[in-house]
Amino acid sequence: QVQLVESGGGLVQPGGSLRLSCAASGRFFSISYMHWYRQAPGKQRELFAHITSGGSTNYADSVKGRFTISRDNTKNTVSLQMNSLKPQHTSVYYCNVQLFVGSDGLGYWGQGNQVTVHS
């Protein structure tokens, strides 16, 4: 059984930093893409950071220069470094990972991690 476990959320003051991590465990052959989504209260879940198996990254304009996505293929983890946080970054953050359990790639979600930016 495949599982994604997120860690690292919490409360931070404006201008502060947080680092989120998402670890995949269980039986699978390989990991393809890894994404970070966020969902603010009353809004739809949105994709804002993406990293390929080769390490290429892509970001939504709203987080460019402020957030950094990275992955460690030896540990099956994806991380998100968030700097200069603002109250509008308050959301539940989710990792989404495509794993190859058999011949097909399947998308899996982490449990979600609350990030609150408040003074």
N, C-alpha and C. Protein backbone atom coordinates (compact mmCIF):
# COMPACT_ATOMS: atom_id res chain seq x y z
N GLN A 1 0.85 -1.19 0.00
CA GLN A 1 0.00 0.00 0.00
C GLN A 1 0.88 1.24 0.00
N VAL A 2 0.55 2.17 -0.87
CA VAL A 2 1.33 3.40 -0.99
C VAL A 2 0.77 4.47 -0.06
N GLN A 3 1.65 5.22 0.52
CA GLN A 3 1.23 6.29 1.43
C GLN A 3 2.12 7.50 1.24
N LEU A 4 1.50 8.68 1.28
CA LEU A 4 2.25 9.93 1.28
C LEU A 4 2.01 10.61 2.61
N VAL A 5 3.08 10.97 3.29
CA VAL A 5 2.97 11.60 4.60
C VAL A 5 3.65 12.96 4.55
N GLU A 6 2.89 13.98 4.87
CA GLU A 6 3.41 15.34 4.87
C GLU A 6 3.82 15.77 6.28
N SER A 7 4.77 16.70 6.33
CA SER A 7 5.20 17.25 7.60
C SER A 7 5.68 18.68 7.40
N GLY A 8 5.74 19.43 8.49
CA GLY A 8 6.40 20.73 8.46
C GLY A 8 5.51 21.96 8.48
N GLY A 9 4.21 21.81 8.48
CA GLY A 9 3.34 22.99 8.51
C GLY A 9 3.29 23.61 9.88
N GLY A 10 2.47 24.66 10.01
CA GLY A 10 2.31 25.30 11.30
C GLY A 10 2.03 26.77 11.18
N LEU A 11 2.27 27.47 12.28
CA LEU A 11 2.03 28.90 12.36
C LEU A 11 3.35 29.65 12.24
N VAL A 12 3.35 30.69 11.42
CA VAL A 12 4.56 31.49 11.22
C VAL A 12 4.15 32.95 11.09
N GLN A 13 5.01 33.84 11.52
CA GLN A 13 4.74 35.26 11.38
C GLN A 13 5.03 35.73 9.97
N PRO A 14 4.38 36.80 9.55
CA PRO A 14 4.69 37.36 8.22
C PRO A 14 6.17 37.64 8.07
N GLY A 15 6.69 37.30 6.90
CA GLY A 15 8.12 37.44 6.64
C GLY A 15 8.94 36.22 7.02
N GLY A 16 8.31 35.28 7.69
CA GLY A 16 9.01 34.08 8.12
C GLY A 16 9.09 33.02 7.03
N SER A 17 9.67 31.89 7.40
CA SER A 17 9.88 30.78 6.46
C SER A 17 9.36 29.48 7.07
N LEU A 18 8.97 28.60 6.18
CA LEU A 18 8.60 27.24 6.56
C LEU A 18 9.07 26.29 5.47
N ARG A 19 9.31 25.06 5.89
CA ARG A 19 9.68 24.03 4.92
C ARG A 19 8.73 22.85 5.10
N LEU A 20 8.06 22.48 4.01
CA LEU A 20 7.18 21.33 4.01
C LEU A 20 7.89 20.16 3.34
N SER A 21 7.57 18.97 3.82
CA SER A 21 8.11 17.76 3.20
C SER A 21 6.99 16.76 3.00
N CYS A 22 7.19 15.89 2.03
CA CYS A 22 6.21 14.86 1.70
C CYS A 22 7.00 13.60 1.35
N ALA A 23 6.77 12.53 2.08
CA ALA A 23 7.53 11.30 1.88
C ALA A 23 6.60 10.20 1.39
N ALA A 24 7.03 9.53 0.33
CA ALA A 24 6.28 8.40 -0.21
C ALA A 24 6.86 7.10 0.33
N SER A 25 5.96 6.20 0.72
CA SER A 25 6.39 4.90 1.22
C SER A 25 5.45 3.83 0.68
N GLY A 26 5.90 2.59 0.75
CA GLY A 26 5.10 1.47 0.25
C GLY A 26 5.75 0.80 -0.94
N ARG A 27 4.97 0.03 -1.64
CA ARG A 27 5.49 -0.73 -2.77
C ARG A 27 5.19 0.00 -4.07
N PHE A 28 6.23 0.51 -4.71
CA PHE A 28 6.09 1.12 -6.03
C PHE A 28 7.44 1.04 -6.73
N PHE A 29 7.40 1.17 -8.07
CA PHE A 29 8.62 1.02 -8.85
C PHE A 29 9.38 2.32 -9.00
N SER A 30 8.63 3.39 -9.25
CA SER A 30 9.30 4.66 -9.50
C SER A 30 8.32 5.80 -9.26
N ILE A 31 8.89 7.00 -9.19
CA ILE A 31 8.10 8.22 -9.00
C ILE A 31 8.30 9.10 -10.22
N SER A 32 7.21 9.59 -10.73
CA SER A 32 7.28 10.50 -11.88
C SER A 32 7.22 11.94 -11.37
N TYR A 33 6.19 12.65 -11.72
CA TYR A 33 6.10 14.04 -11.30
C TYR A 33 5.76 14.16 -9.81
N MET A 34 6.10 15.30 -9.25
CA MET A 34 5.73 15.63 -7.87
C MET A 34 5.23 17.06 -7.88
N HIS A 35 4.09 17.29 -7.28
CA HIS A 35 3.45 18.59 -7.28
C HIS A 35 3.19 19.06 -5.85
N TRP A 36 3.05 20.38 -5.73
CA TRP A 36 2.46 20.97 -4.53
C TRP A 36 1.23 21.78 -4.93
N TYR A 37 0.16 21.55 -4.19
CA TYR A 37 -1.09 22.29 -4.34
C TYR A 37 -1.37 23.03 -3.03
N ARG A 38 -2.26 24.00 -3.11
CA ARG A 38 -2.74 24.62 -1.89
C ARG A 38 -4.22 24.95 -2.06
N GLN A 39 -4.90 25.02 -0.93
CA GLN A 39 -6.32 25.33 -0.94
C GLN A 39 -6.62 26.26 0.23
N ALA A 40 -6.95 27.49 -0.12
CA ALA A 40 -7.33 28.48 0.88
C ALA A 40 -8.81 28.32 1.20
N PRO A 41 -9.23 28.80 2.36
CA PRO A 41 -10.66 28.67 2.73
C PRO A 41 -11.58 29.27 1.68
N GLY A 42 -12.57 28.50 1.26
CA GLY A 42 -13.55 28.97 0.30
C GLY A 42 -13.07 29.01 -1.14
N LYS A 43 -11.87 28.49 -1.39
CA LYS A 43 -11.32 28.53 -2.75
C LYS A 43 -11.01 27.12 -3.25
N GLN A 44 -10.81 27.02 -4.56
CA GLN A 44 -10.46 25.74 -5.14
C GLN A 44 -9.00 25.41 -4.88
N ARG A 45 -8.71 24.13 -4.89
CA ARG A 45 -7.33 23.70 -4.77
C ARG A 45 -6.58 24.09 -6.04
N GLU A 46 -5.40 24.66 -5.88
CA GLU A 46 -4.64 25.13 -7.03
C GLU A 46 -3.22 24.56 -7.02
N LEU A 47 -2.76 24.21 -8.22
CA LEU A 47 -1.40 23.75 -8.42
C LEU A 47 -0.49 24.96 -8.53
N PHE A 48 0.62 24.98 -7.78
CA PHE A 48 1.52 26.12 -7.87
C PHE A 48 2.99 25.76 -8.02
N ALA A 49 3.35 24.49 -7.84
CA ALA A 49 4.74 24.10 -8.01
C ALA A 49 4.80 22.66 -8.52
N HIS A 50 5.74 22.42 -9.43
CA HIS A 50 5.84 21.13 -10.11
C HIS A 50 7.32 20.79 -10.30
N ILE A 51 7.66 19.54 -10.13
CA ILE A 51 9.02 19.10 -10.41
C ILE A 51 8.95 17.75 -11.10
N THR A 52 9.71 17.61 -12.18
CA THR A 52 9.72 16.36 -12.93
C THR A 52 10.69 15.37 -12.32
N SER A 53 10.70 14.16 -12.87
CA SER A 53 11.63 13.14 -12.38
C SER A 53 13.08 13.55 -12.62
N GLY A 54 13.29 14.39 -13.63
CA GLY A 54 14.64 14.85 -13.94
C GLY A 54 15.05 16.10 -13.19
N GLY A 55 14.11 16.66 -12.41
CA GLY A 55 14.44 17.82 -11.60
C GLY A 55 14.04 19.16 -12.19
N SER A 56 13.40 19.17 -13.34
CA SER A 56 12.93 20.43 -13.91
C SER A 56 11.75 20.94 -13.10
N THR A 57 11.73 22.25 -12.87
CA THR A 57 10.70 22.83 -12.02
C THR A 57 9.87 23.86 -12.77
N ASN A 58 8.68 24.09 -12.26
CA ASN A 58 7.81 25.11 -12.81
C ASN A 58 6.95 25.65 -11.67
N TYR A 59 6.71 26.96 -11.70
CA TYR A 59 5.98 27.61 -10.61
C TYR A 59 4.89 28.53 -11.14
N ALA A 60 3.85 28.69 -10.34
CA ALA A 60 2.87 29.73 -10.63
C ALA A 60 3.53 31.08 -10.38
N ASP A 61 3.10 32.08 -11.12
CA ASP A 61 3.69 33.41 -10.98
C ASP A 61 3.59 33.93 -9.55
N SER A 62 2.55 33.53 -8.85
CA SER A 62 2.31 34.03 -7.50
C SER A 62 3.37 33.59 -6.49
N VAL A 63 4.15 32.55 -6.81
CA VAL A 63 5.14 32.05 -5.85
C VAL A 63 6.56 32.10 -6.38
N LYS A 64 6.76 32.49 -7.61
CA LYS A 64 8.10 32.54 -8.19
C LYS A 64 9.00 33.45 -7.37
N GLY A 65 10.19 32.96 -7.09
CA GLY A 65 11.16 33.74 -6.34
C GLY A 65 10.95 33.68 -4.83
N ARG A 66 9.87 33.09 -4.40
CA ARG A 66 9.56 33.02 -2.98
C ARG A 66 9.54 31.57 -2.48
N PHE A 67 9.02 30.66 -3.31
CA PHE A 67 8.93 29.24 -2.96
C PHE A 67 9.88 28.44 -3.84
N THR A 68 10.43 27.35 -3.29
CA THR A 68 11.32 26.47 -4.04
C THR A 68 10.92 25.02 -3.79
N ILE A 69 10.67 24.31 -4.88
CA ILE A 69 10.35 22.89 -4.80
C ILE A 69 11.61 22.08 -5.08
N SER A 70 11.80 20.99 -4.37
CA SER A 70 12.96 20.13 -4.59
C SER A 70 12.54 18.70 -4.29
N ARG A 71 13.37 17.76 -4.75
CA ARG A 71 13.08 16.36 -4.49
C ARG A 71 14.35 15.61 -4.18
N ASP A 72 14.22 14.56 -3.41
CA ASP A 72 15.33 13.67 -3.11
C ASP A 72 14.89 12.28 -3.56
N ASN A 73 15.40 11.85 -4.68
CA ASN A 73 14.96 10.56 -5.24
C ASN A 73 15.46 9.37 -4.43
N THR A 74 16.50 9.57 -3.64
CA THR A 74 17.00 8.47 -2.81
C THR A 74 16.11 8.24 -1.59
N LYS A 75 15.38 9.30 -1.20
CA LYS A 75 14.50 9.19 -0.03
C LYS A 75 13.03 9.24 -0.40
N ASN A 76 12.74 9.35 -1.71
CA ASN A 76 11.35 9.43 -2.19
C ASN A 76 10.58 10.57 -1.53
N THR A 77 11.23 11.72 -1.48
CA THR A 77 10.60 12.86 -0.85
C THR A 77 10.55 14.06 -1.80
N VAL A 78 9.58 14.91 -1.58
CA VAL A 78 9.50 16.21 -2.24
C VAL A 78 9.34 17.24 -1.13
N SER A 79 10.03 18.36 -1.30
CA SER A 79 10.01 19.40 -0.28
C SER A 79 9.62 20.74 -0.90
N LEU A 80 9.17 21.63 -0.03
CA LEU A 80 8.79 22.97 -0.46
C LEU A 80 9.35 23.96 0.56
N GLN A 81 10.30 24.77 0.14
CA GLN A 81 10.84 25.82 0.96
C GLN A 81 10.06 27.10 0.68
N MET A 82 9.47 27.67 1.71
CA MET A 82 8.64 28.87 1.55
C MET A 82 9.27 30.01 2.35
N ASN A 83 9.63 31.07 1.66
CA ASN A 83 10.28 32.21 2.29
C ASN A 83 9.42 33.47 2.15
N SER A 84 9.69 34.41 3.01
CA SER A 84 8.99 35.71 2.97
C SER A 84 7.48 35.53 2.91
N LEU A 85 6.99 34.74 3.82
CA LEU A 85 5.56 34.39 3.80
C LEU A 85 4.68 35.57 4.17
N LYS A 86 3.51 35.57 3.56
CA LYS A 86 2.52 36.62 3.79
C LYS A 86 1.21 35.98 4.26
N PRO A 87 0.34 36.77 4.88
CA PRO A 87 -0.94 36.20 5.34
C PRO A 87 -1.73 35.53 4.23
N GLN A 88 -1.61 36.03 3.00
CA GLN A 88 -2.35 35.42 1.89
C GLN A 88 -1.84 34.05 1.51
N HIS A 89 -0.72 33.63 2.07
CA HIS A 89 -0.21 32.28 1.84
C HIS A 89 -0.85 31.26 2.79
N THR A 90 -1.69 31.73 3.68
CA THR A 90 -2.39 30.81 4.58
C THR A 90 -3.28 29.88 3.78
N SER A 91 -3.03 28.59 3.91
CA SER A 91 -3.76 27.58 3.14
C SER A 91 -3.47 26.21 3.74
N VAL A 92 -4.21 25.23 3.25
CA VAL A 92 -3.81 23.84 3.46
C VAL A 92 -2.99 23.44 2.23
N TYR A 93 -1.81 22.92 2.48
CA TYR A 93 -0.89 22.55 1.40
C TYR A 93 -0.88 21.04 1.23
N TYR A 94 -0.97 20.61 -0.02
CA TYR A 94 -1.03 19.18 -0.35
C TYR A 94 0.08 18.82 -1.33
N CYS A 95 0.72 17.69 -1.12
CA CYS A 95 1.59 17.14 -2.15
C CYS A 95 0.78 16.16 -3.00
N ASN A 96 1.15 16.08 -4.24
CA ASN A 96 0.52 15.16 -5.19
C ASN A 96 1.63 14.53 -6.01
N VAL A 97 1.67 13.21 -6.02
CA VAL A 97 2.79 12.50 -6.60
C VAL A 97 2.27 11.40 -7.53
N GLN A 98 2.89 11.27 -8.69
CA GLN A 98 2.56 10.16 -9.59
C GLN A 98 3.54 9.03 -9.35
N LEU A 99 3.01 7.89 -8.95
CA LEU A 99 3.81 6.71 -8.67
C LEU A 99 3.46 5.59 -9.63
N PHE A 100 4.47 4.81 -10.01
CA PHE A 100 4.24 3.64 -10.84
C PHE A 100 4.24 2.41 -9.94
N VAL A 101 3.02 1.93 -9.67
CA VAL A 101 2.87 0.73 -8.86
C VAL A 101 3.01 -0.50 -9.76
N GLY A 102 2.39 -0.45 -10.91
CA GLY A 102 2.53 -1.47 -11.94
C GLY A 102 3.02 -0.79 -13.20
N SER A 103 2.35 -1.04 -14.30
CA SER A 103 2.73 -0.39 -15.55
C SER A 103 2.10 0.99 -15.70
N ASP A 104 1.10 1.27 -14.89
CA ASP A 104 0.41 2.55 -15.00
C ASP A 104 0.81 3.48 -13.86
N GLY A 105 0.89 4.76 -14.19
CA GLY A 105 1.16 5.75 -13.16
C GLY A 105 -0.13 6.21 -12.50
N LEU A 106 -0.13 6.26 -11.20
CA LEU A 106 -1.31 6.67 -10.44
C LEU A 106 -0.95 7.87 -9.57
N GLY A 107 -1.90 8.78 -9.45
CA GLY A 107 -1.67 9.96 -8.62
C GLY A 107 -2.11 9.72 -7.19
N TYR A 108 -1.27 10.14 -6.26
CA TYR A 108 -1.57 10.00 -4.84
C TYR A 108 -1.46 11.36 -4.17
N TRP A 109 -2.29 11.55 -3.13
CA TRP A 109 -2.30 12.80 -2.39
C TRP A 109 -1.78 12.60 -0.97
N GLY A 110 -1.08 13.61 -0.49
CA GLY A 110 -0.76 13.66 0.92
C GLY A 110 -2.00 14.07 1.70
N GLN A 111 -1.88 14.03 3.02
CA GLN A 111 -3.04 14.28 3.88
C GLN A 111 -3.37 15.77 4.02
N GLY A 112 -2.47 16.63 3.57
CA GLY A 112 -2.69 18.06 3.71
C GLY A 112 -2.04 18.58 4.98
N ASN A 113 -1.50 19.79 4.89
CA ASN A 113 -0.78 20.38 6.01
C ASN A 113 -1.17 21.85 6.11
N GLN A 114 -1.67 22.25 7.26
CA GLN A 114 -2.10 23.63 7.43
C GLN A 114 -0.90 24.55 7.63
N VAL A 115 -0.86 25.61 6.85
CA VAL A 115 0.13 26.67 7.02
C VAL A 115 -0.65 27.96 7.31
N THR A 116 -0.35 28.57 8.43
CA THR A 116 -1.02 29.81 8.82
C THR A 116 0.02 30.89 9.02
N VAL A 117 -0.16 31.99 8.30
CA VAL A 117 0.76 33.13 8.39
C VAL A 117 0.00 34.25 9.09
N HIS A 118 0.41 34.54 10.31
CA HIS A 118 -0.34 35.50 11.14
C HIS A 118 0.58 36.07 12.19
N SER A 119 0.39 37.35 12.44
CA SER A 119 1.22 37.98 13.46
C SER A 119 0.55 37.89 14.83
